[in-house]
Amino acid sequence: MAGFGNFINLIWDNNNPPAINEDNLQAAWDIIKEVDTELQRSQTINSNDLLNYFFNSNCKEVDNFTDQAEYTPWASTTLSNDTVNTCIGNNSIKTLESDNTAGFVGMHKTIASINLALFNSSAASSTDDIILCVFYISNVAKVTNVTFKLGDDNSNNYNITYAAASCSTGWNIKRPHKSDFATDGVPTGWDDITWVCFQWYSTATAQNAYISFQYCGLCREDSDYADYYNPFQKYYGTVSGWENVFPIGMDYFVLYHDEAINKLGFIKVNPSSSLDDLYVNSLGYTNFISKWELYCKKAGYTNSILWLVDSDNYAEIYINNNILYLAVNEAGSLTTTNTALTSNLLKNERIEIYFEKHNDSIKVILKRNTEYLKIISFETVIAATDIGFIHIGAQDSSSYAIITNFSISHTAGHNLPENRIIFIKKQVTETVNNSTVIQNDDEFKLYLADNSIYEIELKLAVSGAANADFKCDWEVEGGCSQLTTRACIGPSIATADNTSTVMRSSGHNLTTDVSYGCDGSTAAYISEKFLVQTIEAGTLQFRWAQNTAQVSDTTISNSSYLKATKLN
């Protein structure tokens, strides 16, 4: 037995098999066990093989609070979409106390029936399973209690109330079992929830205090820790039952579909510590290579990825306040190296992080649309034989990022494919008033890799006064250059009605100002498409202004997007 690992050969004397005796059988068995261990260690962990299974088998969303317009407020409540205190999706919903009278503040709505007796896969959910509730309190001193109701209506429902003493200012995560809910009236059952209510009772002087509700969903109870939930479990038959695939150390991770990026992933919703969080490998690594896809959910920050031997020996990577860090703790002595990002990390921006260790060398590589590579390397004295586990942690209370894909391997191979599409959806409506000076769009800038051809597609929703209209061009820098003229389709400046058939369809160079019409009422939809090429890495910036200066707003709305597809 040679050529795989460092094993002692079994010698066959005179071409005859060894004697079948206790010593030889034990030696063969020892080698088989070592080979099996090495084969297990050589496996690659790929999240795509698991996340969809976990989501369907262990989760069911009640609400992620997409739009306050879906809800009816209680008296004295002002509802709004909260884009500041949010870590999931586009926003949370803020329930604001609008006066100084003690009373109920909150919201309710009728919904299509949700069966909370089943998970997404139709696997059964017991009353031991958990209804996870995530919310943000502006000032807990202004709160008497917080209540959640699920059922038929305000008289027939399952409900649970938390006193202010059990909550805190800032983020709160509650994890009641379904069996913990009280019952009012005669609700139809957990299998037919058609009404939901999220409310709190304010103190007397609580005007402008608020609670923002972020997420509510069903999740399977942790198979190891009875009062916690864990979406990362797999069913191993009637004998073994449900077992944790990714164990969670007393923390809270939500597996959900984020509509802001249209991706399934998981996020740590109580960022605090690094050493007792989710770990994603059951077997440890002495050496490894990994690749991670993350979307920033708090501008300038990400969670951390940790290779952990013990609390005195580990390597951790993270982005904090737009600085990329590699922190290595060697026998209790911490050394931190860092490099500032070239441009700020934006909310909902996609990044790729490569994290690897080979003997005494540890390396982190950041790849993002706005700067192709950032690299930090470190030579460690942590023993080359030390086995560590890969954890997901946090370094700051703002450390929010959703992990949508990852791959970890003892080998150099990766099954996480290269991202060939760069997609930017406009997050905030942008305005120009009384100016014909071409200005850079706040969000539509592409950083493109070298030696590539990209197809660029822009879709705009533009509104403005008819006598102002709209014009735009493109700026190329670095190694980026125009490969084809741009096809420009949209309303003509001569049109009085954007719904008419008076359209322009023409081809132009990227740097040429092209004008489109606005009619003062209906949004103009504009499309541009072309090819660019890069010899070296370069940038492509979209620019725009009013065609004729008017003291009125011309806007590009958040229904607009920019897409670059790498063709080679």
Protein backbone atom coordinates (compact mmCIF):
# COMPACT_ATOMS: atom_id res chain seq x y z
CA MET A 1 0.00 0.00 0.00
CA ALA A 2 1.99 2.98 -1.23
CA GLY A 3 1.56 6.31 -2.91
CA PHE A 4 -1.30 7.73 -0.76
CA GLY A 5 -0.23 9.18 2.53
CA ASN A 6 2.80 8.12 4.55
CA PHE A 7 2.09 4.47 5.37
CA ILE A 8 4.29 1.47 6.17
CA ASN A 9 4.12 -1.06 3.33
CA LEU A 10 2.84 -4.55 4.05
CA ILE A 11 5.55 -6.88 2.66
CA TRP A 12 4.53 -10.02 0.86
CA ASP A 13 7.40 -12.51 1.20
CA ASN A 14 8.24 -14.58 -1.92
CA ASN A 15 5.20 -13.11 -3.71
CA ASN A 16 2.92 -14.86 -1.27
CA PRO A 17 0.26 -13.09 0.77
CA PRO A 18 1.07 -12.45 4.42
CA ALA A 19 -0.19 -14.86 7.00
CA ILE A 20 -3.73 -14.30 8.20
CA ASN A 21 -3.02 -13.56 11.83
CA GLU A 22 -3.94 -10.97 14.43
CA ASP A 23 -0.93 -8.69 13.82
CA ASN A 24 -1.25 -8.55 10.01
CA LEU A 25 -5.02 -8.05 10.07
CA GLN A 26 -4.62 -5.25 12.59
CA ALA A 27 -1.94 -3.59 10.43
CA ALA A 28 -4.21 -3.77 7.35
CA TRP A 29 -7.14 -2.39 9.34
CA ASP A 30 -5.04 0.52 10.66
CA ILE A 31 -4.05 1.47 7.09
CA ILE A 32 -7.66 1.28 5.87
CA LYS A 33 -8.73 3.60 8.69
CA GLU A 34 -5.98 6.10 7.85
CA VAL A 35 -6.87 6.02 4.14
CA ASP A 36 -10.52 6.57 5.00
CA THR A 37 -9.61 9.55 7.16
CA GLU A 38 -7.49 11.05 4.37
CA LEU A 39 -10.30 10.56 1.85
CA GLN A 40 -12.70 12.33 4.20
CA ARG A 41 -10.23 15.15 4.70
CA SER A 42 -9.74 15.56 0.95
CA GLN A 43 -13.43 16.17 0.30
CA THR A 44 -14.65 19.55 -0.80
CA ILE A 45 -17.53 21.22 1.02
CA ASN A 46 -19.81 23.05 -1.42
CA SER A 47 -22.66 25.14 -0.06
CA ASN A 48 -24.76 24.72 -3.22
CA ASP A 49 -25.13 21.04 -2.34
CA LEU A 50 -26.62 21.94 1.03
CA LEU A 51 -28.28 25.34 1.31
CA ASN A 52 -31.34 24.54 -0.78
CA TYR A 53 -31.84 21.32 1.16
CA PHE A 54 -31.58 23.17 4.50
CA PHE A 55 -33.91 25.96 3.38
CA ASN A 56 -36.63 23.60 2.19
CA SER A 57 -36.33 21.08 5.02
CA ASN A 58 -35.95 23.39 8.02
CA CYS A 59 -37.42 26.82 7.23
CA LYS A 60 -40.61 28.65 6.32
CA GLU A 61 -40.87 32.42 6.17
CA VAL A 62 -43.79 34.25 7.78
CA ASP A 63 -42.64 37.76 6.81
CA ASN A 64 -39.44 39.67 6.07
CA PHE A 65 -41.23 43.03 6.21
CA THR A 66 -40.70 44.20 2.65
CA ASP A 67 -43.22 47.07 2.52
CA GLN A 68 -45.11 48.99 5.18
CA ALA A 69 -47.96 49.53 2.68
CA GLU A 70 -48.95 45.87 3.18
CA TYR A 71 -49.90 46.55 6.81
CA THR A 72 -52.65 48.38 8.67
CA PRO A 73 -51.30 50.39 11.63
CA TRP A 74 -52.84 50.45 15.09
CA ALA A 75 -54.02 53.88 16.31
CA SER A 76 -51.20 56.30 17.16
CA THR A 77 -48.78 54.29 14.98
CA THR A 78 -46.88 55.72 12.02
CA LEU A 79 -45.48 53.08 9.65
CA SER A 80 -42.45 53.51 7.38
CA ASN A 81 -39.82 51.39 5.64
CA ASP A 82 -36.62 51.50 7.72
CA THR A 83 -33.51 51.31 5.51
CA VAL A 84 -31.13 52.14 8.39
CA ASN A 85 -31.92 49.51 11.01
CA THR A 86 -31.99 46.55 8.66
CA CYS A 87 -29.85 43.48 7.96
CA ILE A 88 -32.22 41.34 5.86
CA GLY A 89 -33.71 42.20 2.48
CA ASN A 90 -34.30 45.82 1.49
CA ASN A 91 -35.61 47.17 4.78
CA SER A 92 -37.43 46.51 8.02
CA ILE A 93 -40.78 48.13 8.91
CA LYS A 94 -40.66 50.89 11.54
CA THR A 95 -43.64 51.19 13.93
CA LEU A 96 -43.35 54.70 15.39
CA GLU A 97 -45.20 55.97 18.46
CA SER A 98 -46.73 59.24 17.24
CA ASP A 99 -47.92 60.67 20.57
CA ASN A 100 -47.13 60.68 24.30
CA THR A 101 -50.07 58.51 25.33
CA ALA A 102 -49.35 55.02 26.63
CA GLY A 103 -50.93 52.39 24.40
CA PHE A 104 -50.60 49.82 21.65
CA VAL A 105 -48.26 50.60 18.74
CA GLY A 106 -47.91 48.23 15.81
CA MET A 107 -49.43 46.74 12.70
CA HIS A 108 -51.45 43.83 11.37
CA LYS A 109 -52.48 42.33 8.03
CA THR A 110 -54.50 39.54 6.46
CA ILE A 111 -52.35 37.10 4.45
CA ALA A 112 -52.73 34.12 2.16
CA SER A 113 -52.85 30.99 4.29
CA ILE A 114 -49.49 29.80 5.64
CA ASN A 115 -49.18 26.22 6.90
CA LEU A 116 -46.79 26.38 9.86
CA ALA A 117 -47.35 22.70 10.61
CA LEU A 118 -45.10 21.97 7.61
CA PHE A 119 -41.74 23.26 6.38
CA ASN A 120 -41.15 24.32 2.76
CA SER A 121 -40.50 20.72 1.72
CA SER A 122 -43.78 19.57 3.39
CA ALA A 123 -41.73 17.89 6.11
CA ALA A 124 -43.66 17.95 9.38
CA SER A 125 -43.03 20.64 11.96
CA SER A 126 -43.74 19.84 15.60
CA THR A 127 -44.77 22.32 18.28
CA ASP A 128 -41.18 22.06 19.57
CA ASP A 129 -40.03 24.00 16.51
CA ILE A 130 -39.37 27.69 16.78
CA ILE A 131 -40.91 30.91 15.48
CA LEU A 132 -37.91 33.21 15.09
CA CYS A 133 -38.57 36.94 15.54
CA VAL A 134 -35.94 39.63 14.82
CA PHE A 135 -36.63 43.28 15.67
CA TYR A 136 -34.87 46.55 16.59
CA ILE A 137 -35.85 48.74 19.58
CA SER A 138 -34.85 52.42 19.52
CA ASN A 139 -35.18 52.87 23.31
CA VAL A 140 -36.28 49.98 25.51
CA ALA A 141 -37.12 52.43 28.35
CA LYS A 142 -40.09 53.56 26.24
CA VAL A 143 -41.43 50.00 25.84
CA THR A 144 -43.66 48.05 28.24
CA ASN A 145 -43.85 44.83 26.23
CA VAL A 146 -43.67 43.36 22.71
CA THR A 147 -46.28 40.92 21.33
CA PHE A 148 -46.51 38.63 18.29
CA LYS A 149 -49.83 37.19 17.11
CA LEU A 150 -50.43 34.54 14.44
CA GLY A 151 -53.85 33.17 13.62
CA ASP A 152 -57.24 34.14 12.16
CA ASP A 153 -57.79 37.63 13.60
CA ASN A 154 -57.28 39.69 16.75
CA SER A 155 -59.72 37.50 18.70
CA ASN A 156 -58.56 34.08 17.50
CA ASN A 157 -54.79 33.62 17.44
CA TYR A 158 -51.64 32.20 18.95
CA ASN A 159 -49.71 34.92 20.79
CA ILE A 160 -46.63 35.52 22.89
CA THR A 161 -45.59 38.62 24.84
CA TYR A 162 -42.15 39.68 26.03
CA ALA A 163 -41.74 42.18 28.85
CA ALA A 164 -39.38 45.08 28.27
CA ALA A 165 -37.06 43.67 30.94
CA SER A 166 -36.33 40.72 28.64
CA CYS A 167 -35.51 43.03 25.69
CA SER A 168 -32.81 45.62 25.07
CA THR A 169 -32.14 48.76 23.08
CA GLY A 170 -30.88 47.69 19.65
CA TRP A 171 -31.37 44.31 17.98
CA ASN A 172 -33.43 41.62 19.69
CA ILE A 173 -33.85 37.97 18.68
CA LYS A 174 -36.68 35.95 20.21
CA ARG A 175 -37.00 32.21 19.62
CA PRO A 176 -40.22 30.85 21.20
CA HIS A 177 -41.35 27.29 20.54
CA LYS A 178 -44.78 27.08 18.98
CA SER A 179 -45.81 25.41 22.25
CA ASP A 180 -44.83 28.59 24.14
CA PHE A 181 -47.58 30.64 22.46
CA ALA A 182 -50.79 31.30 24.37
CA THR A 183 -54.12 30.79 22.59
CA ASP A 184 -56.84 33.43 22.36
CA GLY A 185 -60.26 32.35 21.11
CA VAL A 186 -60.38 29.42 18.71
CA PRO A 187 -57.78 29.84 15.93
CA THR A 188 -58.13 27.44 12.99
CA GLY A 189 -54.68 25.95 13.66
CA TRP A 190 -50.98 26.26 12.94
CA ASP A 191 -51.73 24.76 9.54
CA ASP A 192 -53.85 27.76 8.46
CA ILE A 193 -52.40 31.12 9.55
CA THR A 194 -54.25 33.91 7.70
CA TRP A 195 -53.57 36.93 9.93
CA VAL A 196 -50.42 38.29 11.60
CA CYS A 197 -49.85 41.10 14.07
CA PHE A 198 -46.65 42.66 15.42
CA GLN A 199 -47.15 45.19 18.19
CA TRP A 200 -45.77 46.76 21.35
CA TYR A 201 -47.17 48.74 24.27
CA SER A 202 -45.56 52.13 24.81
CA THR A 203 -44.99 54.04 28.01
CA ALA A 204 -46.53 57.54 28.48
CA THR A 205 -43.75 59.95 27.10
CA ALA A 206 -42.70 57.65 24.25
CA GLN A 207 -43.40 59.91 21.28
CA ASN A 208 -41.00 59.15 18.36
CA ALA A 209 -39.80 55.91 19.98
CA TYR A 210 -40.05 52.98 17.59
CA ILE A 211 -39.59 49.28 17.00
CA SER A 212 -38.53 48.09 13.53
CA PHE A 213 -39.60 44.54 12.71
CA GLN A 214 -37.12 42.69 10.49
CA TYR A 215 -37.92 38.97 10.19
CA CYS A 216 -40.38 36.33 11.35
CA GLY A 217 -40.15 32.70 10.31
CA LEU A 218 -40.46 29.05 11.30
CA CYS A 219 -37.24 27.12 11.91
CA ARG A 220 -36.47 23.61 13.11
CA GLU A 221 -35.36 23.22 16.71
CA ASP A 222 -31.65 22.46 17.16
CA SER A 223 -31.09 18.72 17.56
CA ASP A 224 -28.39 19.31 20.21
CA TYR A 225 -29.64 22.42 22.05
CA ALA A 226 -33.36 22.13 22.75
CA ASP A 227 -34.15 25.82 23.27
CA TYR A 228 -32.33 27.02 20.15
CA TYR A 229 -33.06 26.73 16.45
CA ASN A 230 -30.76 25.58 13.68
CA PRO A 231 -31.61 25.63 9.96
CA PHE A 232 -28.46 23.63 9.12
CA GLN A 233 -29.71 20.13 9.91
CA LYS A 234 -30.12 16.99 7.83
CA TYR A 235 -32.32 13.95 8.31
CA TYR A 236 -30.34 10.70 8.62
CA GLY A 237 -33.20 8.22 8.88
CA THR A 238 -35.38 6.96 11.67
CA VAL A 239 -32.43 5.72 13.74
CA SER A 240 -30.26 8.83 13.75
CA GLY A 241 -33.00 11.41 13.10
CA TRP A 242 -32.10 15.07 12.56
CA GLU A 243 -28.44 15.95 13.06
CA ASN A 244 -26.53 19.21 12.79
CA VAL A 245 -24.41 19.59 9.67
CA PHE A 246 -23.22 23.09 10.59
CA PRO A 247 -23.25 23.32 14.42
CA ILE A 248 -24.03 26.73 15.94
CA GLY A 249 -22.45 27.74 19.23
CA MET A 250 -25.16 29.71 21.07
CA ASP A 251 -25.68 32.22 18.26
CA TYR A 252 -28.33 33.10 15.70
CA PHE A 253 -28.13 32.54 11.96
CA VAL A 254 -31.04 33.03 9.56
CA LEU A 255 -31.21 31.10 6.27
CA TYR A 256 -33.47 33.09 3.95
CA HIS A 257 -34.05 34.40 0.43
CA ASP A 258 -32.94 38.04 0.22
CA GLU A 259 -35.06 39.99 -2.29
CA ALA A 260 -32.51 42.85 -2.47
CA ILE A 261 -30.01 40.54 -4.19
CA ASN A 262 -32.43 37.77 -5.23
CA LYS A 263 -30.28 35.08 -3.60
CA LEU A 264 -30.58 32.39 -0.95
CA GLY A 265 -28.03 32.63 1.83
CA PHE A 266 -27.44 32.85 5.56
CA ILE A 267 -26.60 35.73 7.86
CA LYS A 268 -25.54 36.10 11.49
CA VAL A 269 -28.18 38.36 13.04
CA ASN A 270 -26.48 39.01 16.40
CA PRO A 271 -22.88 39.93 15.51
CA SER A 272 -20.79 39.96 18.66
CA SER A 273 -18.13 37.30 19.07
CA SER A 274 -15.87 35.23 16.84
CA LEU A 275 -14.98 32.09 18.70
CA ASP A 276 -18.32 30.44 19.48
CA ASP A 277 -20.24 30.78 16.23
CA LEU A 278 -21.31 28.58 13.33
CA TYR A 279 -18.67 26.20 11.99
CA VAL A 280 -19.04 24.67 8.59
CA ASN A 281 -16.79 21.60 8.67
CA SER A 282 -17.11 18.49 10.79
CA LEU A 283 -13.48 17.52 10.08
CA GLY A 284 -10.66 19.95 10.78
CA TYR A 285 -7.97 21.18 8.42
CA THR A 286 -4.23 21.59 8.79
CA ASN A 287 -4.13 23.14 5.31
CA PHE A 288 -7.09 24.34 3.26
CA ILE A 289 -8.17 26.56 0.41
CA SER A 290 -11.59 28.21 0.43
CA LYS A 291 -13.68 30.63 -1.59
CA TRP A 292 -16.64 32.67 -0.30
CA GLU A 293 -19.34 34.75 -1.97
CA LEU A 294 -20.79 37.45 0.28
CA TYR A 295 -23.14 40.41 -0.11
CA CYS A 296 -22.58 43.33 2.23
CA LYS A 297 -25.68 44.16 4.31
CA LYS A 298 -24.15 46.98 6.36
CA ALA A 299 -22.06 49.39 4.27
CA GLY A 300 -18.35 48.96 4.99
CA TYR A 301 -18.59 45.78 7.08
CA THR A 302 -18.72 42.00 6.76
CA ASN A 303 -18.83 39.12 9.18
CA SER A 304 -15.60 37.19 9.75
CA ILE A 305 -14.30 33.85 8.51
CA LEU A 306 -12.13 32.03 11.00
CA TRP A 307 -9.74 29.08 10.96
CA LEU A 308 -9.72 28.13 14.65
CA VAL A 309 -7.46 25.67 16.46
CA ASP A 310 -8.29 27.10 19.90
CA SER A 311 -8.78 30.52 21.48
CA ASP A 312 -5.00 31.14 21.43
CA ASN A 313 -4.30 29.88 17.90
CA TYR A 314 -6.39 31.02 14.93
CA ALA A 315 -6.50 33.13 11.78
CA GLU A 316 -9.47 35.44 11.10
CA ILE A 317 -10.40 37.62 8.11
CA TYR A 318 -13.02 40.36 7.92
CA ILE A 319 -13.83 43.85 6.61
CA ASN A 320 -14.40 46.51 9.23
CA ASN A 321 -15.08 50.17 8.35
CA ASN A 322 -13.83 49.60 4.76
CA ILE A 323 -10.53 48.00 5.85
CA LEU A 324 -9.65 44.37 5.04
CA TYR A 325 -8.07 42.62 8.04
CA LEU A 326 -6.13 39.41 8.58
CA ALA A 327 -5.71 38.72 12.30
CA VAL A 328 -3.49 35.80 13.38
CA ASN A 329 -3.28 34.70 17.01
CA GLU A 330 -0.19 32.58 17.74
CA ALA A 331 -0.01 31.05 21.23
CA GLY A 332 -2.05 33.97 22.55
CA SER A 333 -0.06 36.69 20.75
CA LEU A 334 -2.25 38.54 18.24
CA THR A 335 -0.83 40.13 15.07
CA THR A 336 -3.19 42.08 12.79
CA THR A 337 -2.34 43.17 9.25
CA ASN A 338 -4.68 45.20 7.07
CA THR A 339 -5.16 47.11 3.85
CA ALA A 340 -7.71 49.84 3.15
CA LEU A 341 -10.22 49.27 0.38
CA THR A 342 -9.77 51.49 -2.66
CA SER A 343 -13.45 52.47 -2.51
CA ASN A 344 -16.08 52.01 0.18
CA LEU A 345 -17.94 48.71 0.39
CA LEU A 346 -21.57 49.44 -0.47
CA LYS A 347 -24.69 47.86 0.98
CA ASN A 348 -25.76 44.85 -1.14
CA GLU A 349 -22.42 44.84 -3.00
CA ARG A 350 -21.10 41.40 -3.99
CA ILE A 351 -17.55 40.37 -3.03
CA GLU A 352 -15.51 37.19 -3.27
CA ILE A 353 -13.01 36.25 -0.57
CA TYR A 354 -10.32 33.60 -0.97
CA PHE A 355 -8.91 32.32 2.32
CA GLU A 356 -6.19 29.69 2.42
CA LYS A 357 -3.48 28.15 4.58
CA HIS A 358 -0.55 26.09 3.34
CA ASN A 359 1.85 24.94 6.05
CA ASP A 360 3.09 28.22 7.59
CA SER A 361 1.63 30.55 4.94
CA ILE A 362 -1.81 32.16 5.42
CA LYS A 363 -3.35 34.31 2.69
CA VAL A 364 -6.53 36.29 2.07
CA ILE A 365 -7.51 37.64 -1.35
CA LEU A 366 -10.45 40.01 -1.86
CA LYS A 367 -12.02 40.24 -5.32
CA ARG A 368 -14.76 42.76 -6.04
CA ASN A 369 -16.21 44.72 -8.89
CA THR A 370 -14.66 47.98 -7.71
CA GLU A 371 -11.09 46.71 -7.20
CA TYR A 372 -10.03 43.51 -8.77
CA LEU A 373 -7.69 42.18 -6.06
CA LYS A 374 -6.57 42.98 -2.53
CA ILE A 375 -4.06 40.52 -1.04
CA ILE A 376 -2.69 40.04 2.49
CA SER A 377 -0.19 37.28 3.32
CA PHE A 378 1.20 36.16 6.68
CA GLU A 379 3.81 33.61 7.73
CA THR A 380 2.66 31.89 10.91
CA VAL A 381 4.43 29.86 13.61
CA ILE A 382 1.25 27.94 14.44
CA ALA A 383 2.32 24.30 14.22
CA ALA A 384 1.83 22.84 10.74
CA THR A 385 0.19 19.79 12.30
CA ASP A 386 -2.44 21.74 14.24
CA ILE A 387 -5.99 21.02 13.08
CA GLY A 388 -8.44 23.92 12.90
CA PHE A 389 -12.13 24.30 12.08
CA ILE A 390 -13.71 26.88 9.77
CA HIS A 391 -16.08 29.21 11.63
CA ILE A 392 -18.33 32.12 10.71
CA GLY A 393 -17.96 34.87 13.31
CA ALA A 394 -18.06 38.63 13.76
CA GLN A 395 -15.78 41.44 14.90
CA ASP A 396 -18.23 44.32 15.26
CA SER A 397 -21.90 44.89 16.06
CA SER A 398 -22.24 46.12 12.45
CA SER A 399 -20.74 42.92 10.96
CA TYR A 400 -23.58 42.02 8.62
CA ALA A 401 -23.10 40.11 5.37
CA ILE A 402 -25.13 37.34 3.79
CA ILE A 403 -23.10 34.31 2.66
CA THR A 404 -24.64 32.98 -0.54
CA ASN A 405 -22.00 30.47 -1.69
CA PHE A 406 -18.76 28.91 -0.47
CA SER A 407 -16.36 26.07 -1.13
CA ILE A 408 -13.72 24.61 1.21
CA SER A 409 -11.17 21.97 0.27
CA HIS A 410 -7.91 20.35 1.32
CA THR A 411 -7.02 20.41 -2.37
CA ALA A 412 -6.44 23.29 -4.76
CA GLY A 413 -9.72 22.73 -6.62
CA HIS A 414 -12.85 24.87 -6.31
CA ASN A 415 -16.35 24.16 -7.50
CA LEU A 416 -17.58 27.71 -6.94
CA PRO A 417 -17.75 29.04 -10.52
CA GLU A 418 -16.39 32.34 -11.71
CA ASN A 419 -19.00 35.08 -11.66
CA ARG A 420 -19.43 36.07 -15.31
CA ILE A 421 -22.24 38.57 -14.73
CA ILE A 422 -21.88 41.86 -12.88
CA PHE A 423 -25.26 43.24 -11.92
CA ILE A 424 -26.01 46.61 -10.30
CA LYS A 425 -29.59 47.46 -9.42
CA LYS A 426 -30.02 51.10 -8.48
CA GLN A 427 -30.76 51.20 -4.76
CA VAL A 428 -31.60 54.90 -4.31
CA THR A 429 -33.44 57.23 -6.71
CA GLU A 430 -30.95 59.89 -7.91
CA THR A 431 -31.84 63.47 -8.83
CA VAL A 432 -30.37 66.31 -10.94
CA ASN A 433 -31.95 69.79 -10.79
CA ASN A 434 -31.20 72.79 -13.03
CA SER A 435 -28.00 71.41 -14.58
CA THR A 436 -26.81 70.31 -18.02
CA VAL A 437 -23.34 69.43 -16.69
CA ILE A 438 -22.76 65.73 -17.21
CA GLN A 439 -22.15 64.10 -13.79
CA ASN A 440 -21.17 60.59 -12.70
CA ASP A 441 -24.07 58.38 -11.71
CA ASP A 442 -23.73 57.48 -8.02
CA GLU A 443 -24.02 53.72 -8.54
CA PHE A 444 -23.53 52.80 -12.20
CA LYS A 445 -19.77 52.27 -12.37
CA LEU A 446 -18.18 49.01 -13.52
CA TYR A 447 -14.68 47.71 -12.74
CA LEU A 448 -13.82 45.16 -15.40
CA ALA A 449 -11.20 42.40 -15.45
CA ASP A 450 -8.32 42.37 -17.92
CA ASN A 451 -8.19 40.47 -21.25
CA SER A 452 -11.97 40.26 -21.52
CA ILE A 453 -14.94 41.25 -23.66
CA TYR A 454 -18.13 42.41 -21.91
CA GLU A 455 -21.64 42.94 -23.18
CA ILE A 456 -23.09 45.99 -21.43
CA GLU A 457 -26.85 46.40 -20.98
CA LEU A 458 -28.42 49.45 -19.30
CA LYS A 459 -32.14 49.87 -18.52
CA LEU A 460 -33.22 53.27 -17.14
CA ALA A 461 -36.48 54.58 -15.70
CA VAL A 462 -36.21 58.38 -16.03
CA SER A 463 -38.75 61.01 -14.94
CA GLY A 464 -38.61 64.76 -15.41
CA ALA A 465 -40.08 67.88 -16.92
CA ALA A 466 -40.79 67.84 -20.66
CA ASN A 467 -38.74 70.97 -21.24
CA ALA A 468 -35.74 69.55 -19.35
CA ASP A 469 -35.47 66.11 -20.97
CA PHE A 470 -32.40 63.92 -20.36
CA LYS A 471 -28.93 63.25 -21.81
CA CYS A 472 -26.18 60.75 -21.03
CA ASP A 473 -22.82 59.33 -22.09
CA TRP A 474 -20.14 56.89 -20.86
CA GLU A 475 -16.58 57.42 -19.64
CA VAL A 476 -13.94 54.70 -20.11
CA GLU A 477 -10.68 54.60 -18.16
CA GLY A 478 -7.68 52.32 -17.70
CA GLY A 479 -7.57 49.33 -20.02
CA CYS A 480 -11.24 49.51 -21.00
CA SER A 481 -12.18 50.59 -24.54
CA GLN A 482 -15.21 50.66 -26.81
CA LEU A 483 -15.58 47.60 -29.06
CA THR A 484 -18.88 48.47 -30.75
CA THR A 485 -21.07 51.55 -30.99
CA ARG A 486 -23.88 51.70 -28.47
CA ALA A 487 -27.47 51.00 -29.52
CA CYS A 488 -29.67 53.73 -28.02
CA ILE A 489 -33.42 53.20 -27.76
CA GLY A 490 -35.86 55.48 -25.96
CA PRO A 491 -38.31 58.38 -26.36
CA SER A 492 -37.24 61.25 -28.59
CA ILE A 493 -36.93 64.76 -27.13
CA ALA A 494 -39.60 65.73 -29.69
CA THR A 495 -42.24 63.51 -28.12
CA ALA A 496 -44.95 64.98 -25.91
CA ASP A 497 -46.00 61.60 -24.53
CA ASN A 498 -43.58 58.81 -23.56
CA THR A 499 -46.30 56.20 -24.23
CA SER A 500 -46.44 57.20 -27.91
CA THR A 501 -44.50 55.51 -30.72
CA VAL A 502 -42.22 58.51 -31.35
CA MET A 503 -38.93 56.85 -30.42
CA ARG A 504 -35.26 57.21 -31.24
CA SER A 505 -33.20 54.21 -32.32
CA SER A 506 -29.63 55.10 -33.19
CA GLY A 507 -26.00 54.11 -32.74
CA HIS A 508 -23.34 56.31 -31.11
CA ASN A 509 -19.88 56.25 -29.60
CA LEU A 510 -19.72 55.87 -25.84
CA THR A 511 -18.47 59.41 -25.23
CA THR A 512 -21.21 61.05 -27.34
CA ASP A 513 -24.01 62.83 -25.46
CA VAL A 514 -27.30 61.19 -26.43
CA SER A 515 -30.58 62.97 -25.59
CA TYR A 516 -33.90 61.35 -24.63
CA GLY A 517 -37.34 62.85 -24.00
CA CYS A 518 -39.30 63.29 -20.77
CA ASP A 519 -42.98 64.23 -20.75
CA GLY A 520 -43.47 65.50 -17.21
CA SER A 521 -45.77 62.67 -16.16
CA THR A 522 -44.93 59.18 -17.42
CA ALA A 523 -41.52 57.60 -16.74
CA ALA A 524 -39.32 57.31 -19.82
CA TYR A 525 -37.77 53.86 -20.28
CA ILE A 526 -34.38 53.94 -21.98
CA SER A 527 -32.21 51.05 -23.16
CA GLU A 528 -28.55 51.09 -24.22
CA LYS A 529 -26.47 48.10 -25.26
CA PHE A 530 -22.88 47.67 -26.55
CA LEU A 531 -19.59 45.76 -26.21
CA VAL A 532 -16.36 46.86 -24.53
CA GLN A 533 -13.02 45.12 -24.29
CA THR A 534 -10.16 45.25 -21.80
CA ILE A 535 -6.47 44.64 -22.39
CA GLU A 536 -5.73 45.63 -18.82
CA ALA A 537 -8.32 46.04 -16.06
CA GLY A 538 -10.37 49.21 -16.50
CA THR A 539 -13.52 51.09 -15.54
CA LEU A 540 -16.73 52.13 -17.25
CA GLN A 541 -18.73 55.01 -15.76
CA PHE A 542 -22.27 56.03 -16.74
CA ARG A 543 -22.89 59.81 -16.71
CA TRP A 544 -25.99 61.97 -17.17
CA ALA A 545 -27.69 65.37 -16.77
CA GLN A 546 -30.66 67.40 -17.92
CA ASN A 547 -30.67 68.13 -21.64
CA THR A 548 -31.94 71.68 -20.96
CA ALA A 549 -31.44 73.25 -17.54
CA GLN A 550 -34.72 73.66 -15.65
CA VAL A 551 -35.44 74.34 -11.97
CA SER A 552 -37.15 70.97 -11.58
CA ASP A 553 -36.11 67.44 -10.69
CA THR A 554 -34.95 64.94 -13.29
CA THR A 555 -34.58 61.51 -11.68
CA ILE A 556 -33.35 58.00 -12.37
CA SER A 557 -35.44 55.68 -10.20
CA ASN A 558 -34.47 52.51 -8.36
CA SER A 559 -36.25 50.49 -11.07
CA SER A 560 -33.08 50.99 -13.16
CA TYR A 561 -30.22 48.52 -13.52
CA LEU A 562 -26.88 47.92 -15.23
CA LYS A 563 -25.59 44.49 -16.30
CA ALA A 564 -22.19 43.44 -17.66
CA THR A 565 -21.81 39.90 -19.04
CA LYS A 566 -18.29 38.53 -19.53
CA LEU A 567 -18.21 36.79 -22.91
CA ASN A 568 -14.74 35.22 -22.79
